[in-house]
C-alpha atoms as a PDB file:
ATOM      1  CA  MET A   1      18.113 103.130 120.260  1.00  0.00           C
ATOM      2  CA  GLU A   2      18.086 106.822 121.694  1.00  0.00           C
ATOM      3  CA  LEU A   3      21.215 108.270 123.205  1.00  0.00           C
ATOM      4  CA  GLU A   4      19.216 109.473 126.210  1.00  0.00           C
ATOM      5  CA  ASN A   5      18.455 105.994 127.108  1.00  0.00           C
ATOM      6  CA  LEU A   6      22.131 104.886 126.836  1.00  0.00           C
ATOM      7  CA  ARG A   7      23.056 108.031 129.159  1.00  0.00           C
ATOM      8  CA  TYR A   8      20.549 106.815 131.833  1.00  0.00           C
ATOM      9  CA  PHE A   9      21.637 103.221 131.679  1.00  0.00           C
ATOM     10  CA  VAL A  10      25.366 104.098 132.201  1.00  0.00           C
ATOM     11  CA  ALA A  11      24.378 106.550 135.135  1.00  0.00           C
ATOM     12  CA  VAL A  12      22.258 103.796 136.564  1.00  0.00           C
ATOM     13  CA  ALA A  13      24.870 101.114 136.194  1.00  0.00           C
ATOM     14  CA  GLU A  14      27.530 103.223 137.810  1.00  0.00           C
ATOM     15  CA  ALA A  15      25.267 104.254 140.700  1.00  0.00           C
ATOM     16  CA  ASP A  16      23.762 100.697 141.223  1.00  0.00           C
ATOM     17  CA  SER A  17      20.203 102.429 141.875  1.00  0.00           C
ATOM     18  CA  LEU A  18      17.903 104.120 139.967  1.00  0.00           C
ATOM     19  CA  THR A  19      17.159 106.393 142.858  1.00  0.00           C
ATOM     20  CA  HIS A  20      20.760 107.518 143.247  1.00  0.00           C
ATOM     21  CA  ALA A  21      21.286 107.928 139.551  1.00  0.00           C
ATOM     22  CA  ALA A  22      18.327 110.172 139.177  1.00  0.00           C
ATOM     23  CA  GLU A  23      19.292 112.209 142.409  1.00  0.00           C
ATOM     24  CA  ASP A  24      23.229 112.526 141.542  1.00  0.00           C
ATOM     25  CA  ARG A  25      23.513 112.451 137.889  1.00  0.00           C
ATOM     26  CA  LEU A  26      20.215 112.841 135.981  1.00  0.00           C
ATOM     27  CA  PRO A  27      17.730 115.766 135.673  1.00  0.00           C
ATOM     28  CA  THR A  28      14.486 113.773 136.253  1.00  0.00           C
ATOM     29  CA  ALA A  29      13.076 111.508 139.008  1.00  0.00           C
ATOM     30  CA  ASP A  30      13.098 107.719 139.477  1.00  0.00           C
ATOM     31  CA  PRO A  31      10.036 107.067 137.501  1.00  0.00           C
ATOM     32  CA  SER A  32      11.598 108.695 134.354  1.00  0.00           C
ATOM     33  CA  ALA A  33      14.723 106.763 134.829  1.00  0.00           C
ATOM     34  CA  SER A  34      12.628 103.451 135.003  1.00  0.00           C
ATOM     35  CA  ARG A  35      11.121 104.317 131.680  1.00  0.00           C
ATOM     36  CA  HIS A  36      14.264 104.995 129.892  1.00  0.00           C
ATOM     37  CA  MET A  37      15.561 101.600 131.178  1.00  0.00           C
ATOM     38  CA  ARG A  38      12.427  99.600 130.077  1.00  0.00           C
ATOM     39  CA  LYS A  39      12.716 101.428 126.622  1.00  0.00           C
ATOM     40  CA  LEU A  40      16.300 100.445 126.224  1.00  0.00           C
ATOM     41  CA  GLU A  41      15.773  96.891 127.225  1.00  0.00           C
ATOM     42  CA  SER A  42      12.807  96.699 124.801  1.00  0.00           C
ATOM     43  CA  ASP A  43      15.122  98.030 121.937  1.00  0.00           C
ATOM     44  CA  LEU A  44      17.613  95.552 122.694  1.00  0.00           C
ATOM     45  CA  GLY A  45      15.608  92.632 123.466  1.00  0.00           C
ATOM     46  CA  VAL A  46      17.469  91.868 126.718  1.00  0.00           C
ATOM     47  CA  LEU A  47      17.246  92.508 130.368  1.00  0.00           C
ATOM     48  CA  LEU A  48      20.098  94.738 131.425  1.00  0.00           C
ATOM     49  CA  LEU A  49      19.200  95.366 135.211  1.00  0.00           C
ATOM     50  CA  ALA A  50      17.623  93.234 137.967  1.00  0.00           C
ATOM     51  CA  ARG A  51      16.267  94.420 141.079  1.00  0.00           C
ATOM     52  CA  GLY A  52      17.884  92.858 144.292  1.00  0.00           C
ATOM     53  CA  PRO A  53      17.616  93.352 147.983  1.00  0.00           C
ATOM     54  CA  HIS A  54      20.327  95.976 147.699  1.00  0.00           C
ATOM     55  CA  GLY A  55      18.946  97.949 144.622  1.00  0.00           C
ATOM     56  CA  MET A  56      19.353  97.506 140.850  1.00  0.00           C
ATOM     57  CA  LYS A  57      22.297  95.197 139.758  1.00  0.00           C
ATOM     58  CA  LEU A  58      23.759  94.605 136.255  1.00  0.00           C
ATOM     59  CA  THR A  59      22.712  91.309 134.631  1.00  0.00           C
ATOM     60  CA  PRO A  60      25.312  89.346 132.661  1.00  0.00           C
ATOM     61  CA  ALA A  61      24.082  90.972 129.464  1.00  0.00           C
ATOM     62  CA  GLY A  62      24.008  94.524 131.044  1.00  0.00           C
ATOM     63  CA  ARG A  63      27.766  94.104 132.164  1.00  0.00           C
ATOM     64  CA  ALA A  64      28.556  92.964 128.646  1.00  0.00           C
ATOM     65  CA  PHE A  65      26.705  95.952 127.140  1.00  0.00           C
ATOM     66  CA  LEU A  66      27.896  98.629 129.622  1.00  0.00           C
ATOM     67  CA  ASP A  67      31.518  99.073 128.004  1.00  0.00           C
ATOM     68  CA  HIS A  68      29.737  99.415 124.459  1.00  0.00           C
ATOM     69  CA  ALA A  69      27.271 102.084 125.810  1.00  0.00           C
ATOM     70  CA  ARG A  70      30.331 104.068 127.374  1.00  0.00           C
ATOM     71  CA  LEU A  71      32.211 103.800 124.004  1.00  0.00           C
ATOM     72  CA  ILE A  72      29.137 104.909 121.994  1.00  0.00           C
ATOM     73  CA  LEU A  73      28.574 107.959 124.251  1.00  0.00           C
ATOM     74  CA  SER A  74      32.274 108.707 124.158  1.00  0.00           C
ATOM     75  CA  GLN A  75      32.302 108.773 120.307  1.00  0.00           C
ATOM     76  CA  VAL A  76      29.305 110.861 120.199  1.00  0.00           C
ATOM     77  CA  GLU A  77      30.903 113.490 122.492  1.00  0.00           C
ATOM     78  CA  ARG A  78      34.042 113.428 120.427  1.00  0.00           C
ATOM     79  CA  ALA A  79      32.133 114.004 117.230  1.00  0.00           C
ATOM     80  CA  ARG A  80      30.154 116.776 118.711  1.00  0.00           C
ATOM     81  CA  GLU A  81      33.461 118.448 119.986  1.00  0.00           C
ATOM     82  CA  ALA A  82      35.088 117.999 116.420  1.00  0.00           C
ATOM     83  CA  MET A  83      31.965 119.668 114.894  1.00  0.00           C
ATOM     84  CA  GLN A  84      32.205 122.602 117.222  1.00  0.00           C
ATOM     85  CA  GLN A  85      35.834 122.975 116.362  1.00  0.00           C
ATOM     86  CA  ASP A  86      35.242 122.800 112.784  1.00  0.00           C
ATOM     87  CA  SER A  87      32.433 125.382 113.053  1.00  0.00           C
ATOM     88  CA  GLN A  88      34.832 127.915 114.455  1.00  0.00           C
ATOM     89  CA  PRO A  89      36.711 130.186 111.846  1.00  0.00           C
ATOM     90  CA  ALA A  90      40.255 128.794 111.471  1.00  0.00           C
ATOM     91  CA  ARG A  91      43.068 131.076 112.501  1.00  0.00           C
ATOM     92  CA  ASN A  92      45.479 132.041 109.713  1.00  0.00           C
ATOM     93  CA  SER A  93      49.091 131.105 110.185  1.00  0.00           C
ATOM     94  CA  PHE A  94      52.394 132.338 109.041  1.00  0.00           C
ATOM     95  CA  THR A  95      55.337 129.734 108.860  1.00  0.00           C
ATOM     96  CA  VAL A  96      58.915 130.612 108.794  1.00  0.00           C
ATOM     97  CA  GLY A  97      61.788 128.419 108.258  1.00  0.00           C
ATOM     98  CA  PHE A  98      65.354 128.767 109.672  1.00  0.00           C
ATOM     99  CA  LEU A  99      68.612 126.975 108.943  1.00  0.00           C
ATOM    100  CA  VAL A 100      68.922 124.662 111.931  1.00  0.00           C
ATOM    101  CA  GLY A 101      70.370 126.568 114.626  1.00  0.00           C
ATOM    102  CA  TYR A 102      69.794 130.078 113.171  1.00  0.00           C
ATOM    103  CA  GLU A 103      66.486 130.664 114.698  1.00  0.00           C
ATOM    104  CA  THR A 104      68.400 131.039 118.105  1.00  0.00           C
ATOM    105  CA  ALA A 105      69.437 134.729 117.014  1.00  0.00           C
ATOM    106  CA  TRP A 106      66.963 135.585 114.172  1.00  0.00           C
ATOM    107  CA  LEU A 107      63.635 134.506 115.630  1.00  0.00           C
ATOM    108  CA  PRO A 108      63.242 137.189 118.298  1.00  0.00           C
ATOM    109  CA  GLU A 109      63.806 139.906 115.781  1.00  0.00           C
ATOM    110  CA  VAL A 110      61.466 138.418 113.206  1.00  0.00           C
ATOM    111  CA  VAL A 111      58.846 138.131 116.233  1.00  0.00           C
ATOM    112  CA  ARG A 112      59.361 141.827 117.007  1.00  0.00           C
ATOM    113  CA  ILE A 113      59.015 142.997 113.428  1.00  0.00           C
ATOM    114  CA  LEU A 114      55.943 140.859 112.917  1.00  0.00           C
ATOM    115  CA  ARG A 115      54.227 141.576 116.190  1.00  0.00           C
ATOM    116  CA  PRO A 116      51.765 144.089 114.752  1.00  0.00           C
ATOM    117  CA  GLU A 117      50.703 141.360 112.187  1.00  0.00           C
ATOM    118  CA  LEU A 118      50.375 138.507 114.633  1.00  0.00           C
ATOM    119  CA  LYS A 119      47.286 139.594 116.556  1.00  0.00           C
ATOM    120  CA  GLU A 120      44.932 137.313 114.475  1.00  0.00           C
ATOM    121  CA  ILE A 121      47.775 135.135 113.036  1.00  0.00           C
ATOM    122  CA  ASP A 122      49.651 132.027 114.582  1.00  0.00           C
ATOM    123  CA  LEU A 123      53.423 131.931 113.977  1.00  0.00           C
ATOM    124  CA  VAL A 124      54.888 128.587 113.069  1.00  0.00           C
ATOM    125  CA  VAL A 125      58.605 127.912 113.112  1.00  0.00           C
ATOM    126  CA  TYR A 126      60.250 125.265 110.852  1.00  0.00           C
ATOM    127  CA  SER A 127      63.935 124.320 111.379  1.00  0.00           C
ATOM    128  CA  ARG A 128      65.548 122.294 108.620  1.00  0.00           C
ATOM    129  CA  SER A 129      68.601 122.328 106.017  1.00  0.00           C
ATOM    130  CA  THR A 130      68.672 124.516 103.095  1.00  0.00           C
ATOM    131  CA  VAL A 131      67.565 121.709 100.882  1.00  0.00           C
ATOM    132  CA  GLU A 132      64.700 120.749 102.978  1.00  0.00           C
ATOM    133  CA  LEU A 133      63.541 124.465 103.350  1.00  0.00           C
ATOM    134  CA  MET A 134      63.631 125.038  99.646  1.00  0.00           C
ATOM    135  CA  ARG A 135      61.506 121.910  99.188  1.00  0.00           C
ATOM    136  CA  ALA A 136      59.202 123.298 101.817  1.00  0.00           C
ATOM    137  CA  LEU A 137      58.937 126.649 100.142  1.00  0.00           C
ATOM    138  CA  LEU A 138      58.004 124.993  96.782  1.00  0.00           C
ATOM    139  CA  GLY A 139      55.474 122.718  98.378  1.00  0.00           C
ATOM    140  CA  GLY A 140      53.767 125.756 100.247  1.00  0.00           C
ATOM    141  CA  GLU A 141      54.462 124.200 103.589  1.00  0.00           C
ATOM    142  CA  ILE A 142      56.122 127.439 104.718  1.00  0.00           C
ATOM    143  CA  ASP A 143      55.799 131.141 103.773  1.00  0.00           C
ATOM    144  CA  ALA A 144      59.525 132.257 104.068  1.00  0.00           C
ATOM    145  CA  ALA A 145      62.808 130.892 105.108  1.00  0.00           C
ATOM    146  CA  PHE A 146      66.309 132.073 106.371  1.00  0.00           C
ATOM    147  CA  LEU A 147      68.453 130.012 104.210  1.00  0.00           C
ATOM    148  CA  ARG A 148      71.438 129.931 101.876  1.00  0.00           C
ATOM    149  CA  PRO A 149      70.457 131.490  98.302  1.00  0.00           C
ATOM    150  CA  GLU A 150      70.797 128.705  95.817  1.00  0.00           C
ATOM    151  CA  PRO A 151      71.149 129.537  92.078  1.00  0.00           C
ATOM    152  CA  ASN A 152      68.911 128.191  89.517  1.00  0.00           C
ATOM    153  CA  SER A 153      65.891 127.612  91.980  1.00  0.00           C
ATOM    154  CA  PRO A 154      62.780 128.006  89.787  1.00  0.00           C
ATOM    155  CA  ARG A 155      59.809 129.855  91.431  1.00  0.00           C
ATOM    156  CA  LEU A 156      62.110 130.799  94.386  1.00  0.00           C
ATOM    157  CA  THR A 157      63.250 134.375  95.125  1.00  0.00           C
ATOM    158  CA  PHE A 158      66.224 135.166  97.408  1.00  0.00           C
ATOM    159  CA  ARG A 159      66.718 138.643  99.186  1.00  0.00           C
ATOM    160  CA  SER A 160      70.177 138.993 100.759  1.00  0.00           C
ATOM    161  CA  LEU A 161      70.508 139.575 104.453  1.00  0.00           C
ATOM    162  CA  VAL A 162      74.074 139.212 105.361  1.00  0.00           C
ATOM    163  CA  ARG A 163      77.404 137.744 104.369  1.00  0.00           C
ATOM    164  CA  GLU A 164      79.354 135.490 106.923  1.00  0.00           C
ATOM    165  CA  PRO A 165      82.931 134.894 106.969  1.00  0.00           C
ATOM    166  CA  ILE A 166      83.991 131.206 107.118  1.00  0.00           C
ATOM    167  CA  VAL A 167      85.920 130.333 110.293  1.00  0.00           C
ATOM    168  CA  ALA A 168      87.691 127.304 111.802  1.00  0.00           C
ATOM    169  CA  VAL A 169      85.726 125.352 114.512  1.00  0.00           C
ATOM    170  CA  LEU A 170      87.829 123.226 116.776  1.00  0.00           C
ATOM    171  CA  PRO A 171      88.174 121.654 120.346  1.00  0.00           C
ATOM    172  CA  SER A 172      89.563 124.082 122.734  1.00  0.00           C
ATOM    173  CA  ASN A 173      92.175 121.462 123.804  1.00  0.00           C
ATOM    174  CA  ASN A 174      93.564 121.281 120.260  1.00  0.00           C
ATOM    175  CA  PRO A 175      96.884 122.853 120.038  1.00  0.00           C
ATOM    176  CA  LEU A 176      95.604 124.940 117.003  1.00  0.00           C
ATOM    177  CA  ALA A 177      93.450 126.758 119.329  1.00  0.00           C
ATOM    178  CA  ASN A 178      96.335 128.386 120.871  1.00  0.00           C
ATOM    179  CA  ARG A 179      96.886 130.367 117.477  1.00  0.00           C
ATOM    180  CA  ARG A 180      95.380 133.767 116.806  1.00  0.00           C
ATOM    181  CA  SER A 181      94.459 132.392 113.210  1.00  0.00           C
ATOM    182  CA  ILE A 182      94.599 129.332 111.240  1.00  0.00           C
ATOM    183  CA  ARG A 183      96.642 128.601 108.151  1.00  0.00           C
ATOM    184  CA  PRO A 184      95.115 126.436 105.413  1.00  0.00           C
ATOM    185  CA  GLN A 185      98.072 123.951 105.530  1.00  0.00           C
ATOM    186  CA  ASP A 186      97.223 123.469 109.313  1.00  0.00           C
ATOM    187  CA  LEU A 187      93.778 122.080 108.315  1.00  0.00           C
ATOM    188  CA  ALA A 188      95.185 119.656 106.056  1.00  0.00           C
ATOM    189  CA  LYS A 189      96.895 117.844 109.012  1.00  0.00           C
ATOM    190  CA  GLU A 190      93.638 117.384 111.022  1.00  0.00           C
ATOM    191  CA  ASP A 191      90.574 115.209 110.686  1.00  0.00           C
ATOM    192  CA  PHE A 192      87.952 117.439 108.924  1.00  0.00           C
ATOM    193  CA  ILE A 193      84.306 117.576 109.596  1.00  0.00           C
ATOM    194  CA  SER A 194      82.473 118.637 106.539  1.00  0.00           C
ATOM    195  CA  ILE A 195      78.787 119.625 105.849  1.00  0.00           C
ATOM    196  CA  ALA A 196      77.154 117.109 103.475  1.00  0.00           C
ATOM    197  CA  LYS A 197      76.374 118.115  99.947  1.00  0.00           C
ATOM    198  CA  ALA A 198      72.838 116.846 100.276  1.00  0.00           C
ATOM    199  CA  SER A 199      71.860 119.266 103.001  1.00  0.00           C
ATOM    200  CA  GLY A 200      74.182 122.141 102.617  1.00  0.00           C
ATOM    201  CA  PRO A 201      75.360 122.265  98.936  1.00  0.00           C
ATOM    202  CA  THR A 202      76.510 126.016  99.155  1.00  0.00           C
ATOM    203  CA  LEU A 203      78.665 125.834 102.081  1.00  0.00           C
ATOM    204  CA  ARG A 204      80.236 122.474 101.047  1.00  0.00           C
ATOM    205  CA  SER A 205      80.973 124.045  97.653  1.00  0.00           C
ATOM    206  CA  ILE A 206      82.561 127.072  99.193  1.00  0.00           C
ATOM    207  CA  VAL A 207      84.823 124.850 101.575  1.00  0.00           C
ATOM    208  CA  ASP A 208      85.798 122.700  98.795  1.00  0.00           C
ATOM    209  CA  GLU A 209      86.744 125.576  96.578  1.00  0.00           C
ATOM    210  CA  TYR A 210      88.716 127.214  99.273  1.00  0.00           C
ATOM    211  CA  ALA A 211      90.678 124.005  99.980  1.00  0.00           C
ATOM    212  CA  ALA A 212      91.483 123.838  96.258  1.00  0.00           C
ATOM    213  CA  GLN A 213      92.498 127.435  95.937  1.00  0.00           C
ATOM    214  CA  SER A 214      94.778 126.975  98.936  1.00  0.00           C
ATOM    215  CA  GLY A 215      96.355 123.924  97.435  1.00  0.00           C
ATOM    216  CA  ILE A 216      95.363 121.585 100.233  1.00  0.00           C
ATOM    217  CA  LYS A 217      93.523 118.288 100.415  1.00  0.00           C
ATOM    218  CA  LEU A 218      91.167 117.956 103.411  1.00  0.00           C
ATOM    219  CA  ARG A 219      91.108 114.602 105.285  1.00  0.00           C
ATOM    220  CA  HIS A 220      87.128 114.301 105.457  1.00  0.00           C
ATOM    221  CA  ALA A 221      86.436 112.133 108.462  1.00  0.00           C
ATOM    222  CA  CYS A 222      82.807 112.624 108.957  1.00  0.00           C
ATOM    223  CA  GLU A 223      79.921 114.505 107.326  1.00  0.00           C
ATOM    224  CA  ALA A 224      77.118 116.532 109.117  1.00  0.00           C
ATOM    225  CA  HIS A 225      73.942 117.730 108.019  1.00  0.00           C
ATOM    226  CA  ASP A 226      73.678 120.996 110.031  1.00  0.00           C
ATOM    227  CA  LEU A 227      75.812 123.309 112.362  1.00  0.00           C
ATOM    228  CA  PRO A 228      74.919 121.777 115.782  1.00  0.00           C
ATOM    229  CA  THR A 229      75.807 118.320 114.365  1.00  0.00           C
ATOM    230  CA  ALA A 230      79.067 119.581 113.046  1.00  0.00           C
ATOM    231  CA  ILE A 231      80.003 121.105 116.270  1.00  0.00           C
ATOM    232  CA  SER A 232      79.140 117.917 118.036  1.00  0.00           C
ATOM    233  CA  LEU A 233      81.275 115.859 115.733  1.00  0.00           C
ATOM    234  CA  VAL A 234      84.030 118.343 116.170  1.00  0.00           C
ATOM    235  CA  LEU A 235      83.996 117.614 119.947  1.00  0.00           C
ATOM    236  CA  SER A 236      83.586 113.892 119.579  1.00  0.00           C
ATOM    237  CA  THR A 237      85.864 112.940 116.862  1.00  0.00           C
ATOM    238  CA  PRO A 238      87.904 115.355 117.677  1.00  0.00           C
ATOM    239  CA  GLY A 239      88.331 117.114 114.434  1.00  0.00           C
ATOM    240  CA  VAL A 240      88.109 120.551 112.984  1.00  0.00           C
ATOM    241  CA  SER A 241      85.586 122.066 110.764  1.00  0.00           C
ATOM    242  CA  LEU A 242      85.123 125.245 108.509  1.00  0.00           C
ATOM    243  CA  LEU A 243      81.768 126.815 109.320  1.00  0.00           C
ATOM    244  CA  PRO A 244      80.075 130.262 109.019  1.00  0.00           C
ATOM    245  CA  ARG A 245      80.977 132.503 111.866  1.00  0.00           C
ATOM    246  CA  TYR A 246      77.350 132.340 113.178  1.00  0.00           C
ATOM    247  CA  ALA A 247      78.447 128.932 114.446  1.00  0.00           C
ATOM    248  CA  GLN A 248      79.999 130.899 117.371  1.00  0.00           C
ATOM    249  CA  ASN A 249      76.444 131.382 118.763  1.00  0.00           C
ATOM    250  CA  LEU A 250      76.023 127.636 119.192  1.00  0.00           C
ATOM    251  CA  LEU A 251      79.538 126.649 120.779  1.00  0.00           C
ATOM    252  CA  PRO A 252      79.919 125.115 124.216  1.00  0.00           C
ATOM    253  CA  LEU A 253      83.034 126.424 126.183  1.00  0.00           C
ATOM    254  CA  SER A 254      84.812 123.129 125.004  1.00  0.00           C
ATOM    255  CA  ALA A 255      84.890 124.517 121.472  1.00  0.00           C
ATOM    256  CA  VAL A 256      86.332 127.663 119.908  1.00  0.00           C
ATOM    257  CA  ILE A 257      86.482 129.405 116.520  1.00  0.00           C
ATOM    258  CA  ARG A 258      89.573 130.899 114.872  1.00  0.00           C
ATOM    259  CA  PRO A 259      89.681 133.136 111.814  1.00  0.00           C
ATOM    260  CA  LEU A 260      91.477 131.914 108.728  1.00  0.00           C
ATOM    261  CA  GLN A 261      94.745 133.560 107.650  1.00  0.00           C
ATOM    262  CA  GLY A 262      94.427 135.686 104.633  1.00  0.00           C
ATOM    263  CA  ARG A 263      91.109 136.480 102.800  1.00  0.00           C
ATOM    264  CA  ALA A 264      88.621 134.163 104.531  1.00  0.00           C
ATOM    265  CA  PRO A 265      85.675 132.840 102.002  1.00  0.00           C
ATOM    266  CA  GLU A 266      82.231 134.233 102.782  1.00  0.00           C
ATOM    267  CA  ILE A 267      78.704 132.820 102.646  1.00  0.00           C
ATOM    268  CA  ALA A 268      75.323 134.475 102.217  1.00  0.00           C
ATOM    269  CA  LEU A 269      72.324 134.280 104.302  1.00  0.00           C
ATOM    270  CA  ALA A 270      69.023 135.192 102.730  1.00  0.00           C
ATOM    271  CA  ILE A 271      65.329 135.260 102.870  1.00  0.00           C
ATOM    272  CA  GLY A 272      63.886 132.962 100.392  1.00  0.00           C
ATOM    273  CA  TYR A 273      60.143 132.728  99.371  1.00  0.00           C
ATOM    274  CA  ASN A 274      58.012 131.174  96.659  1.00  0.00           C
ATOM    275  CA  SER A 275      57.283 134.016  94.218  1.00  0.00           C
ATOM    276  CA  THR A 276      53.951 132.245  93.304  1.00  0.00           C
ATOM    277  CA  LYS A 277      52.622 132.181  96.998  1.00  0.00           C
ATOM    278  CA  ILE A 278      53.005 135.887  98.298  1.00  0.00           C
ATOM    279  CA  THR A 279      50.688 136.614 101.179  1.00  0.00           C
ATOM    280  CA  PRO A 280      50.005 139.932 102.913  1.00  0.00           C
ATOM    281  CA  ILE A 281      52.233 139.197 105.851  1.00  0.00           C
ATOM    282  CA  LEU A 282      54.982 137.990 103.600  1.00  0.00           C
ATOM    283  CA  GLU A 283      54.725 141.259 101.810  1.00  0.00           C
ATOM    284  CA  TYR A 284      54.935 143.001 105.227  1.00  0.00           C
ATOM    285  CA  LEU A 285      58.037 141.086 106.357  1.00  0.00           C
ATOM    286  CA  LEU A 286      59.925 141.864 103.010  1.00  0.00           C
ATOM    287  CA  SER A 287      58.970 145.528 103.412  1.00  0.00           C
ATOM    288  CA  ARG A 288      60.845 145.462 106.682  1.00  0.00           C
ATOM    289  CA  LEU A 289      63.924 143.722 105.134  1.00  0.00           C
ATOM    290  CA  GLU A 290      66.140 146.801 105.796  1.00  0.00           C
ATOM    291  CA  ASP A 291      65.216 146.709 109.422  1.00  0.00           C
ATOM    292  CA  LEU A 292      66.486 143.214 109.535  1.00  0.00           C
ATOM    293  CA  VAL A 293      69.728 144.048 107.731  1.00  0.00           C
ATOM    294  CA  THR A 294      70.314 147.011 109.958  1.00  0.00           C
ATOM    295  CA  TRP A 295      69.641 144.714 113.028  1.00  0.00           C
ATOM    296  CA  ALA A 296      71.954 142.094 111.854  1.00  0.00           C
ATOM    297  CA  THR A 297      74.963 144.387 110.822  1.00  0.00           C
ATOM    298  CA  SER A 298      74.915 145.716 114.336  1.00  0.00           C
ATOM    299  CA  HIS A 299      75.505 142.092 115.777  1.00  0.00           C
ATOM    300  CA  PRO A 300      79.207 141.093 114.590  1.00  0.00           C
ATOM    301  CA  SER A 301      78.418 137.622 115.702  1.00  0.00           C
ATOM    302  CA  ILE A 302      75.739 137.327 112.854  1.00  0.00           C
ATOM    303  CA  ALA A 303      77.092 139.543 110.113  1.00  0.00           C
ATOM    304  CA  GLN A 304      80.301 140.379 108.550  1.00  0.00           C
ATOM    305  CA  ALA A 305      81.752 143.702 110.137  1.00  0.00           C
END
């Protein structure tokens, strides 16, 4: 069975006429169309078209075969397109991961720095928790990530960017929002929204250590897996949370941040990468690390002043 015969059959069936099909859809005249139809019917051993007073009509066998013919031609076309795509040289890509919410401020600057290198490369953005980003780095799914540096991480290297103070995040209608700073003992009286250890082990450890050193016991009401979720829980519970100051970039008007009294704990943000999977564009990004640090320190909402 030849594909060209199938194409003629579908064209004739949809035009209800050999002549119209030949004129409107096919490159040859009516005799050629008739020849293709006879060859297809011979191959199949059934009559597909019958001539009537108003032109060619499908027989019951022809109606049954029409959908199959369309499907065969469609599959052949898809296969042809797939082969054409495979024959094109694949574009390289560079995948950058961010802690959820951090891409809002950091991604535009990363794009600016990488712009000279992105002419022939697709930039892919990946937003997850620190633990998920580390797993993706180890698995080769991403090339670099903006995340919390985790000690004892084989094959992963971390280059420090900034240190962020931990601040209190609370609803704007909470009485504590009227204070210029928050005392540790104030936090102990509120329902507390914590970051889950499974997704943010460094932040959770810093907050727990701060509470222990301050001699308070936090009333853990809910756990969140990222900053946006923690902020949503603060507003819906309502409760308070201790988060990196970067959280202020994600706050709606109904939430506020307040500094902690005394020396507030800090948390680091770093670029992490798999030391066994260094690419040229990753090397270029790391060579511009000082530019990123300089940019970040000029934005008090991102870095510790």
